[in-house]
Amino acid sequence: MPENAPKTREELFAFLDGLGIAHKTVDHAPVFTVAESVALRDEIPGGHTKNLFIKDKKDRYFLLTVEENAEVDLKQVHNLIGGSGRVSFGRAEKLMEYLGVVPGAVTAFGAINDTAGNVTFVLDADLMREEIVNCHPLSNDATTSIASGDLVRFMEATGHKPLVLKVTS
């Protein structure tokens, strides 16, 4: 396997275990949108996420992780996150290169693959008030539950200092 191959779900779980971070994963049919994942709400408690992979005018990349039903004003969010000019969505090729995931499987856990620090991670303050946060474990056929504080610890252990900001309306 190439040295820069994206981490697997098993490698993610081993990393979390090594940090002493409790996590629980539920396997399910692949889901590509928030709307498709609504059926899982009764089965999986906690805050469910929506992730926006965006870039600014200077090609700086950000991953916004917000509560699934929250709205983000893409015309103004650059002012909140320190972006240069308005943001647009990042291309799928950069998503795979930086976070090791495909569209539909975007997740804060992608920080484990961003070894070069190409992405700034932004966790919405409202989401972080949830005791448990749910994210895809690098693929969209499962959901992993983790304490919100442990999500920050995970990101810091990957070399990222996530910004916890209110970016939703």
N, C-alpha and C. Protein backbone atom coordinates (compact mmCIF):
# COMPACT_ATOMS: atom_id res chain seq x y z
N MET A 1 0.85 -1.18 0.00
CA MET A 1 0.00 0.00 0.00
C MET A 1 0.89 1.24 0.00
N PRO A 2 0.59 2.24 -0.83
CA PRO A 2 1.42 3.44 -0.88
C PRO A 2 1.45 4.14 0.49
N GLU A 3 2.55 4.82 0.73
CA GLU A 3 2.74 5.48 2.01
C GLU A 3 1.67 6.54 2.27
N ASN A 4 1.21 7.20 1.22
CA ASN A 4 0.24 8.26 1.40
C ASN A 4 -1.20 7.80 1.18
N ALA A 5 -1.44 6.50 1.21
CA ALA A 5 -2.80 5.99 1.04
C ALA A 5 -3.66 6.45 2.21
N PRO A 6 -4.93 6.78 1.93
CA PRO A 6 -5.80 7.21 3.03
C PRO A 6 -5.93 6.11 4.09
N LYS A 7 -6.08 6.56 5.31
CA LYS A 7 -6.27 5.63 6.43
C LYS A 7 -7.60 4.89 6.26
N THR A 8 -7.64 3.68 6.79
CA THR A 8 -8.86 2.89 6.77
C THR A 8 -9.66 3.16 8.04
N ARG A 9 -10.86 2.71 8.03
CA ARG A 9 -11.71 2.80 9.22
C ARG A 9 -11.04 2.12 10.41
N GLU A 10 -10.43 0.97 10.17
CA GLU A 10 -9.77 0.23 11.25
C GLU A 10 -8.58 1.02 11.81
N GLU A 11 -7.84 1.70 10.92
CA GLU A 11 -6.72 2.52 11.39
C GLU A 11 -7.23 3.72 12.20
N LEU A 12 -8.35 4.29 11.79
CA LEU A 12 -8.97 5.38 12.55
C LEU A 12 -9.33 4.89 13.95
N PHE A 13 -9.99 3.73 14.03
CA PHE A 13 -10.40 3.21 15.34
C PHE A 13 -9.19 2.89 16.21
N ALA A 14 -8.14 2.36 15.63
CA ALA A 14 -6.92 2.07 16.39
C ALA A 14 -6.31 3.37 16.92
N PHE A 15 -6.36 4.43 16.12
CA PHE A 15 -5.85 5.73 16.55
C PHE A 15 -6.66 6.24 17.73
N LEU A 16 -8.00 6.17 17.62
CA LEU A 16 -8.86 6.60 18.72
C LEU A 16 -8.60 5.77 19.97
N ASP A 17 -8.47 4.46 19.80
CA ASP A 17 -8.18 3.58 20.94
C ASP A 17 -6.86 3.96 21.59
N GLY A 18 -5.86 4.28 20.78
CA GLY A 18 -4.56 4.66 21.30
C GLY A 18 -4.61 5.94 22.12
N LEU A 19 -5.59 6.79 21.83
CA LEU A 19 -5.77 8.02 22.58
C LEU A 19 -6.68 7.82 23.79
N GLY A 20 -7.21 6.60 23.92
CA GLY A 20 -8.15 6.33 25.01
C GLY A 20 -9.50 7.00 24.81
N ILE A 21 -9.87 7.20 23.55
CA ILE A 21 -11.14 7.84 23.22
C ILE A 21 -12.20 6.79 22.94
N ALA A 22 -13.27 6.83 23.72
CA ALA A 22 -14.38 5.91 23.52
C ALA A 22 -15.13 6.28 22.25
N HIS A 23 -15.54 5.25 21.51
CA HIS A 23 -16.30 5.47 20.28
C HIS A 23 -17.19 4.28 20.04
N LYS A 24 -18.31 4.54 19.38
CA LYS A 24 -19.25 3.47 19.04
C LYS A 24 -19.66 3.68 17.59
N THR A 25 -19.67 2.59 16.82
CA THR A 25 -19.99 2.68 15.41
C THR A 25 -21.18 1.81 15.06
N VAL A 26 -22.07 2.37 14.27
CA VAL A 26 -23.23 1.64 13.75
C VAL A 26 -23.07 1.56 12.23
N ASP A 27 -23.07 0.33 11.71
CA ASP A 27 -23.03 0.13 10.26
C ASP A 27 -24.43 0.32 9.69
N HIS A 28 -24.51 0.85 8.48
CA HIS A 28 -25.79 1.07 7.82
C HIS A 28 -25.56 1.14 6.31
N ALA A 29 -26.65 1.18 5.57
CA ALA A 29 -26.53 1.35 4.12
C ALA A 29 -25.85 2.69 3.84
N PRO A 30 -25.09 2.79 2.75
CA PRO A 30 -24.44 4.06 2.45
C PRO A 30 -25.45 5.20 2.34
N VAL A 31 -25.09 6.35 2.92
CA VAL A 31 -25.92 7.55 2.81
C VAL A 31 -25.05 8.65 2.22
N PHE A 32 -25.63 9.39 1.30
CA PHE A 32 -24.87 10.42 0.59
C PHE A 32 -25.30 11.83 0.95
N THR A 33 -26.46 11.96 1.59
CA THR A 33 -26.97 13.28 1.95
C THR A 33 -27.54 13.24 3.36
N VAL A 34 -27.70 14.41 3.94
CA VAL A 34 -28.33 14.51 5.25
C VAL A 34 -29.74 13.93 5.18
N ALA A 35 -30.47 14.21 4.10
CA ALA A 35 -31.84 13.71 3.97
C ALA A 35 -31.89 12.18 4.02
N GLU A 36 -30.93 11.53 3.39
CA GLU A 36 -30.91 10.06 3.40
C GLU A 36 -30.59 9.49 4.78
N SER A 37 -29.91 10.26 5.60
CA SER A 37 -29.49 9.74 6.91
C SER A 37 -30.52 9.95 8.01
N VAL A 38 -31.61 10.65 7.73
CA VAL A 38 -32.61 10.96 8.75
C VAL A 38 -33.18 9.70 9.40
N ALA A 39 -33.31 8.64 8.67
CA ALA A 39 -33.88 7.40 9.21
C ALA A 39 -33.04 6.82 10.34
N LEU A 40 -31.79 7.23 10.46
CA LEU A 40 -30.90 6.69 11.49
C LEU A 40 -31.02 7.42 12.82
N ARG A 41 -31.76 8.50 12.88
CA ARG A 41 -31.80 9.33 14.09
C ARG A 41 -32.24 8.57 15.34
N ASP A 42 -33.26 7.73 15.22
CA ASP A 42 -33.75 7.01 16.40
C ASP A 42 -32.72 6.00 16.89
N GLU A 43 -31.93 5.47 15.98
CA GLU A 43 -30.95 4.44 16.30
C GLU A 43 -29.65 5.02 16.86
N ILE A 44 -29.33 6.25 16.49
CA ILE A 44 -28.05 6.85 16.85
C ILE A 44 -28.30 8.20 17.52
N PRO A 45 -28.18 8.27 18.86
CA PRO A 45 -28.40 9.55 19.55
C PRO A 45 -27.23 10.51 19.37
N GLY A 46 -27.48 11.78 19.66
CA GLY A 46 -26.42 12.79 19.61
C GLY A 46 -26.58 13.73 18.44
N GLY A 47 -25.62 14.63 18.29
CA GLY A 47 -25.63 15.61 17.21
C GLY A 47 -25.11 14.98 15.93
N HIS A 48 -25.90 15.09 14.88
CA HIS A 48 -25.50 14.55 13.58
C HIS A 48 -24.93 15.67 12.73
N THR A 49 -23.93 15.35 11.93
CA THR A 49 -23.16 16.40 11.28
C THR A 49 -23.41 16.52 9.78
N LYS A 50 -23.14 17.73 9.33
CA LYS A 50 -23.06 18.06 7.90
C LYS A 50 -21.68 18.70 7.76
N ASN A 51 -20.98 18.35 6.70
CA ASN A 51 -19.62 18.83 6.50
C ASN A 51 -19.50 19.54 5.17
N LEU A 52 -18.92 20.73 5.20
CA LEU A 52 -18.74 21.53 4.00
C LEU A 52 -17.24 21.71 3.76
N PHE A 53 -16.77 21.15 2.66
CA PHE A 53 -15.36 21.27 2.27
C PHE A 53 -15.27 22.46 1.32
N ILE A 54 -14.66 23.53 1.79
CA ILE A 54 -14.65 24.79 1.04
C ILE A 54 -13.22 25.32 0.90
N LYS A 55 -13.07 26.26 -0.04
CA LYS A 55 -11.78 26.92 -0.22
C LYS A 55 -12.03 28.40 -0.42
N ASP A 56 -11.01 29.20 -0.04
CA ASP A 56 -11.14 30.64 -0.24
C ASP A 56 -10.43 31.06 -1.52
N LYS A 57 -10.35 32.37 -1.74
CA LYS A 57 -9.76 32.90 -2.99
C LYS A 57 -8.27 32.62 -3.10
N LYS A 58 -7.60 32.34 -1.97
CA LYS A 58 -6.17 32.04 -1.99
C LYS A 58 -5.91 30.53 -1.94
N ASP A 59 -6.94 29.75 -2.27
CA ASP A 59 -6.86 28.28 -2.27
C ASP A 59 -6.48 27.71 -0.91
N ARG A 60 -6.95 28.35 0.16
CA ARG A 60 -6.84 27.78 1.50
C ARG A 60 -8.11 26.98 1.73
N TYR A 61 -7.94 25.77 2.24
CA TYR A 61 -9.07 24.85 2.40
C TYR A 61 -9.53 24.80 3.84
N PHE A 62 -10.84 24.63 3.99
CA PHE A 62 -11.48 24.55 5.30
C PHE A 62 -12.49 23.41 5.28
N LEU A 63 -12.67 22.78 6.42
CA LEU A 63 -13.78 21.84 6.58
C LEU A 63 -14.65 22.38 7.70
N LEU A 64 -15.89 22.74 7.35
CA LEU A 64 -16.85 23.21 8.34
C LEU A 64 -17.69 22.01 8.76
N THR A 65 -17.70 21.70 10.04
CA THR A 65 -18.53 20.63 10.57
C THR A 65 -19.59 21.27 11.44
N VAL A 66 -20.84 21.11 11.00
CA VAL A 66 -21.98 21.76 11.66
C VAL A 66 -23.08 20.72 11.90
N GLU A 67 -24.07 21.10 12.70
CA GLU A 67 -25.22 20.23 12.93
C GLU A 67 -25.96 20.06 11.61
N GLU A 68 -26.49 18.87 11.38
CA GLU A 68 -27.03 18.52 10.07
C GLU A 68 -28.09 19.46 9.51
N ASN A 69 -28.88 20.10 10.36
CA ASN A 69 -29.94 20.98 9.87
C ASN A 69 -29.56 22.45 9.90
N ALA A 70 -28.35 22.75 10.33
CA ALA A 70 -27.91 24.14 10.43
C ALA A 70 -27.67 24.73 9.05
N GLU A 71 -27.80 26.04 8.98
CA GLU A 71 -27.54 26.75 7.72
C GLU A 71 -26.27 27.57 7.85
N VAL A 72 -25.47 27.55 6.79
CA VAL A 72 -24.23 28.32 6.74
C VAL A 72 -24.37 29.31 5.59
N ASP A 73 -24.12 30.59 5.88
CA ASP A 73 -24.16 31.62 4.85
C ASP A 73 -22.81 31.64 4.13
N LEU A 74 -22.76 30.98 2.99
CA LEU A 74 -21.50 30.85 2.26
C LEU A 74 -21.00 32.19 1.71
N LYS A 75 -21.86 33.19 1.67
CA LYS A 75 -21.43 34.50 1.20
C LYS A 75 -20.73 35.29 2.31
N GLN A 76 -20.93 34.88 3.55
CA GLN A 76 -20.37 35.62 4.69
C GLN A 76 -19.41 34.81 5.55
N VAL A 77 -19.42 33.48 5.44
CA VAL A 77 -18.66 32.65 6.39
C VAL A 77 -17.17 32.94 6.36
N HIS A 78 -16.64 33.42 5.23
CA HIS A 78 -15.20 33.73 5.17
C HIS A 78 -14.81 34.75 6.23
N ASN A 79 -15.72 35.66 6.56
CA ASN A 79 -15.44 36.67 7.58
C ASN A 79 -15.27 36.02 8.96
N LEU A 80 -15.96 34.94 9.20
CA LEU A 80 -15.92 34.27 10.51
C LEU A 80 -14.71 33.35 10.65
N ILE A 81 -14.29 32.73 9.55
CA ILE A 81 -13.24 31.71 9.63
C ILE A 81 -11.86 32.22 9.23
N GLY A 82 -11.78 33.49 8.84
CA GLY A 82 -10.49 34.05 8.45
C GLY A 82 -10.11 33.76 7.02
N GLY A 83 -11.11 33.50 6.19
CA GLY A 83 -10.85 33.23 4.78
C GLY A 83 -10.59 34.50 4.00
N SER A 84 -9.95 34.36 2.86
CA SER A 84 -9.67 35.49 1.97
C SER A 84 -10.72 35.54 0.88
N GLY A 85 -11.66 36.42 1.02
CA GLY A 85 -12.72 36.54 0.04
C GLY A 85 -13.73 35.40 0.17
N ARG A 86 -14.74 35.49 -0.63
CA ARG A 86 -15.81 34.49 -0.57
C ARG A 86 -15.27 33.10 -0.83
N VAL A 87 -15.96 32.12 -0.26
CA VAL A 87 -15.55 30.73 -0.40
C VAL A 87 -16.37 30.03 -1.46
N SER A 88 -15.82 28.95 -1.95
CA SER A 88 -16.53 28.06 -2.87
C SER A 88 -16.24 26.63 -2.43
N PHE A 89 -16.97 25.69 -2.96
CA PHE A 89 -16.74 24.30 -2.58
C PHE A 89 -15.45 23.78 -3.19
N GLY A 90 -14.73 23.00 -2.42
CA GLY A 90 -13.50 22.38 -2.90
C GLY A 90 -13.80 21.24 -3.86
N ARG A 91 -12.90 20.98 -4.77
CA ARG A 91 -13.08 19.91 -5.74
C ARG A 91 -12.90 18.55 -5.09
N ALA A 92 -13.53 17.55 -5.69
CA ALA A 92 -13.47 16.18 -5.18
C ALA A 92 -12.04 15.65 -5.14
N GLU A 93 -11.22 16.08 -6.12
CA GLU A 93 -9.82 15.61 -6.15
C GLU A 93 -9.06 16.10 -4.92
N LYS A 94 -9.30 17.33 -4.51
CA LYS A 94 -8.63 17.89 -3.32
C LYS A 94 -9.19 17.24 -2.06
N LEU A 95 -10.46 16.94 -2.06
CA LEU A 95 -11.08 16.25 -0.92
C LEU A 95 -10.40 14.91 -0.70
N MET A 96 -10.18 14.16 -1.75
CA MET A 96 -9.49 12.87 -1.63
C MET A 96 -8.02 13.08 -1.26
N GLU A 97 -7.36 14.03 -1.91
CA GLU A 97 -5.94 14.26 -1.66
C GLU A 97 -5.69 14.69 -0.21
N TYR A 98 -6.51 15.59 0.31
CA TYR A 98 -6.26 16.14 1.64
C TYR A 98 -6.91 15.33 2.76
N LEU A 99 -8.14 14.88 2.57
CA LEU A 99 -8.87 14.22 3.65
C LEU A 99 -9.06 12.72 3.45
N GLY A 100 -8.74 12.23 2.26
CA GLY A 100 -8.83 10.80 2.00
C GLY A 100 -10.24 10.25 1.94
N VAL A 101 -11.19 11.11 1.55
CA VAL A 101 -12.58 10.69 1.44
C VAL A 101 -13.18 11.19 0.13
N VAL A 102 -14.31 10.61 -0.23
CA VAL A 102 -15.03 11.00 -1.44
C VAL A 102 -16.25 11.82 -1.05
N PRO A 103 -16.80 12.59 -1.99
CA PRO A 103 -18.05 13.31 -1.69
C PRO A 103 -19.10 12.32 -1.18
N GLY A 104 -19.84 12.75 -0.19
CA GLY A 104 -20.84 11.88 0.43
C GLY A 104 -20.29 11.19 1.67
N ALA A 105 -18.98 11.20 1.84
CA ALA A 105 -18.36 10.58 3.03
C ALA A 105 -17.50 11.59 3.79
N VAL A 106 -17.71 12.87 3.53
CA VAL A 106 -16.91 13.91 4.16
C VAL A 106 -17.14 13.88 5.66
N THR A 107 -16.04 14.01 6.42
CA THR A 107 -16.11 13.83 7.86
C THR A 107 -14.98 14.56 8.55
N ALA A 108 -15.23 14.98 9.77
CA ALA A 108 -14.18 15.59 10.59
C ALA A 108 -13.06 14.59 10.85
N PHE A 109 -13.36 13.30 10.81
CA PHE A 109 -12.31 12.30 11.02
C PHE A 109 -11.29 12.30 9.88
N GLY A 110 -11.58 12.99 8.78
CA GLY A 110 -10.62 13.12 7.69
C GLY A 110 -9.34 13.83 8.12
N ALA A 111 -9.36 14.46 9.28
CA ALA A 111 -8.15 15.12 9.81
C ALA A 111 -7.00 14.13 9.93
N ILE A 112 -7.32 12.86 10.14
CA ILE A 112 -6.27 11.84 10.27
C ILE A 112 -5.46 11.70 8.99
N ASN A 113 -6.06 12.05 7.85
CA ASN A 113 -5.37 11.94 6.56
C ASN A 113 -4.67 13.23 6.13
N ASP A 114 -4.95 14.33 6.82
CA ASP A 114 -4.37 15.62 6.44
C ASP A 114 -3.04 15.82 7.16
N THR A 115 -2.08 14.98 6.84
CA THR A 115 -0.79 15.00 7.54
C THR A 115 0.04 16.25 7.21
N ALA A 116 -0.24 16.90 6.09
CA ALA A 116 0.51 18.10 5.71
C ALA A 116 -0.14 19.38 6.23
N GLY A 117 -1.28 19.26 6.90
CA GLY A 117 -1.94 20.44 7.45
C GLY A 117 -2.51 21.38 6.40
N ASN A 118 -3.06 20.81 5.34
CA ASN A 118 -3.62 21.61 4.25
C ASN A 118 -5.00 22.18 4.55
N VAL A 119 -5.67 21.65 5.57
CA VAL A 119 -7.05 22.02 5.83
C VAL A 119 -7.18 22.61 7.24
N THR A 120 -7.95 23.69 7.33
CA THR A 120 -8.31 24.26 8.64
C THR A 120 -9.67 23.68 8.99
N PHE A 121 -9.76 23.09 10.17
CA PHE A 121 -11.01 22.47 10.61
C PHE A 121 -11.78 23.44 11.50
N VAL A 122 -13.07 23.61 11.18
CA VAL A 122 -13.93 24.51 11.93
C VAL A 122 -15.10 23.69 12.44
N LEU A 123 -15.24 23.67 13.77
CA LEU A 123 -16.35 22.97 14.42
C LEU A 123 -17.33 24.03 14.90
N ASP A 124 -18.59 23.91 14.48
CA ASP A 124 -19.58 24.91 14.88
C ASP A 124 -19.82 24.83 16.39
N ALA A 125 -19.85 25.99 17.03
CA ALA A 125 -20.02 26.07 18.48
C ALA A 125 -21.33 25.43 18.92
N ASP A 126 -22.39 25.59 18.15
CA ASP A 126 -23.67 24.98 18.52
C ASP A 126 -23.56 23.46 18.52
N LEU A 127 -22.91 22.89 17.53
CA LEU A 127 -22.72 21.43 17.46
C LEU A 127 -21.91 20.96 18.67
N MET A 128 -20.91 21.71 19.03
CA MET A 128 -20.02 21.29 20.11
C MET A 128 -20.68 21.35 21.48
N ARG A 129 -21.89 21.91 21.56
CA ARG A 129 -22.65 21.85 22.82
C ARG A 129 -23.28 20.48 23.02
N GLU A 130 -23.34 19.71 21.96
CA GLU A 130 -23.87 18.34 22.06
C GLU A 130 -22.88 17.48 22.85
N GLU A 131 -23.39 16.59 23.67
CA GLU A 131 -22.52 15.68 24.42
C GLU A 131 -21.82 14.71 23.47
N ILE A 132 -22.60 14.20 22.51
CA ILE A 132 -22.09 13.23 21.53
C ILE A 132 -22.22 13.82 20.13
N VAL A 133 -21.17 13.64 19.33
CA VAL A 133 -21.17 14.07 17.93
C VAL A 133 -21.00 12.82 17.07
N ASN A 134 -21.75 12.76 15.98
CA ASN A 134 -21.72 11.61 15.07
C ASN A 134 -21.12 11.99 13.74
N CYS A 135 -20.13 11.20 13.31
CA CYS A 135 -19.43 11.45 12.05
C CYS A 135 -19.23 10.13 11.31
N HIS A 136 -19.09 10.21 10.01
CA HIS A 136 -18.72 9.02 9.23
C HIS A 136 -17.28 8.63 9.57
N PRO A 137 -17.02 7.33 9.70
CA PRO A 137 -15.64 6.88 9.95
C PRO A 137 -14.86 6.68 8.65
N LEU A 138 -14.75 7.75 7.86
CA LEU A 138 -14.02 7.80 6.59
C LEU A 138 -14.75 7.12 5.44
N SER A 139 -15.95 6.63 5.68
CA SER A 139 -16.81 6.08 4.62
C SER A 139 -18.25 6.34 5.05
N ASN A 140 -19.16 6.35 4.07
CA ASN A 140 -20.53 6.73 4.39
C ASN A 140 -21.46 5.55 4.65
N ASP A 141 -20.88 4.40 4.98
CA ASP A 141 -21.70 3.22 5.28
C ASP A 141 -21.70 2.89 6.77
N ALA A 142 -21.34 3.89 7.58
CA ALA A 142 -21.34 3.73 9.03
C ALA A 142 -21.34 5.11 9.66
N THR A 143 -21.72 5.15 10.94
CA THR A 143 -21.68 6.38 11.72
C THR A 143 -20.99 6.08 13.03
N THR A 144 -20.01 6.91 13.37
CA THR A 144 -19.26 6.74 14.61
C THR A 144 -19.62 7.87 15.57
N SER A 145 -19.97 7.48 16.80
CA SER A 145 -20.32 8.43 17.85
C SER A 145 -19.12 8.62 18.76
N ILE A 146 -18.88 9.88 19.12
CA ILE A 146 -17.72 10.25 19.94
C ILE A 146 -18.12 11.46 20.78
N ALA A 147 -17.60 11.58 21.98
CA ALA A 147 -17.87 12.76 22.80
C ALA A 147 -17.33 14.00 22.10
N SER A 148 -18.05 15.11 22.19
CA SER A 148 -17.63 16.32 21.48
C SER A 148 -16.23 16.76 21.93
N GLY A 149 -15.94 16.69 23.21
CA GLY A 149 -14.61 17.05 23.68
C GLY A 149 -13.54 16.13 23.14
N ASP A 150 -13.88 14.86 22.96
CA ASP A 150 -12.93 13.90 22.39
C ASP A 150 -12.69 14.16 20.91
N LEU A 151 -13.66 14.73 20.22
CA LEU A 151 -13.44 15.09 18.81
C LEU A 151 -12.33 16.14 18.73
N VAL A 152 -12.36 17.11 19.63
CA VAL A 152 -11.31 18.12 19.67
C VAL A 152 -9.97 17.46 20.00
N ARG A 153 -9.95 16.56 20.98
CA ARG A 153 -8.71 15.86 21.34
C ARG A 153 -8.16 15.07 20.17
N PHE A 154 -9.04 14.39 19.44
CA PHE A 154 -8.64 13.64 18.25
C PHE A 154 -7.97 14.58 17.25
N MET A 155 -8.62 15.70 16.96
CA MET A 155 -8.07 16.63 15.96
C MET A 155 -6.71 17.15 16.40
N GLU A 156 -6.58 17.51 17.67
CA GLU A 156 -5.30 17.99 18.17
C GLU A 156 -4.22 16.91 18.04
N ALA A 157 -4.60 15.66 18.26
CA ALA A 157 -3.64 14.55 18.14
C ALA A 157 -3.20 14.34 16.69
N THR A 158 -4.00 14.81 15.73
CA THR A 158 -3.62 14.71 14.32
C THR A 158 -2.81 15.92 13.88
N GLY A 159 -2.55 16.83 14.80
CA GLY A 159 -1.77 18.02 14.47
C GLY A 159 -2.59 19.22 14.07
N HIS A 160 -3.90 19.18 14.30
CA HIS A 160 -4.79 20.28 13.94
C HIS A 160 -5.35 20.93 15.21
N LYS A 161 -5.42 22.22 15.22
CA LYS A 161 -6.09 22.96 16.30
C LYS A 161 -7.39 23.47 15.72
N PRO A 162 -8.49 22.72 15.94
CA PRO A 162 -9.75 23.14 15.31
C PRO A 162 -10.25 24.46 15.86
N LEU A 163 -10.86 25.23 15.01
CA LEU A 163 -11.52 26.47 15.41
C LEU A 163 -12.94 26.11 15.84
N VAL A 164 -13.32 26.46 17.04
CA VAL A 164 -14.69 26.25 17.49
C VAL A 164 -15.36 27.62 17.44
N LEU A 165 -16.19 27.81 16.41
CA LEU A 165 -16.81 29.09 16.12
C LEU A 165 -18.28 28.90 15.77
N LYS A 166 -19.09 29.91 16.04
CA LYS A 166 -20.47 29.86 15.58
C LYS A 166 -20.49 30.32 14.12
N VAL A 167 -20.65 29.36 13.21
CA VAL A 167 -20.65 29.67 11.78
C VAL A 167 -22.02 29.43 11.15
N THR A 168 -23.02 29.09 11.99
CA THR A 168 -24.35 28.79 11.46
C THR A 168 -25.33 29.86 11.88
N SER A 169 -26.44 29.89 11.15
CA SER A 169 -27.51 30.85 11.50
C SER A 169 -28.70 30.11 12.03
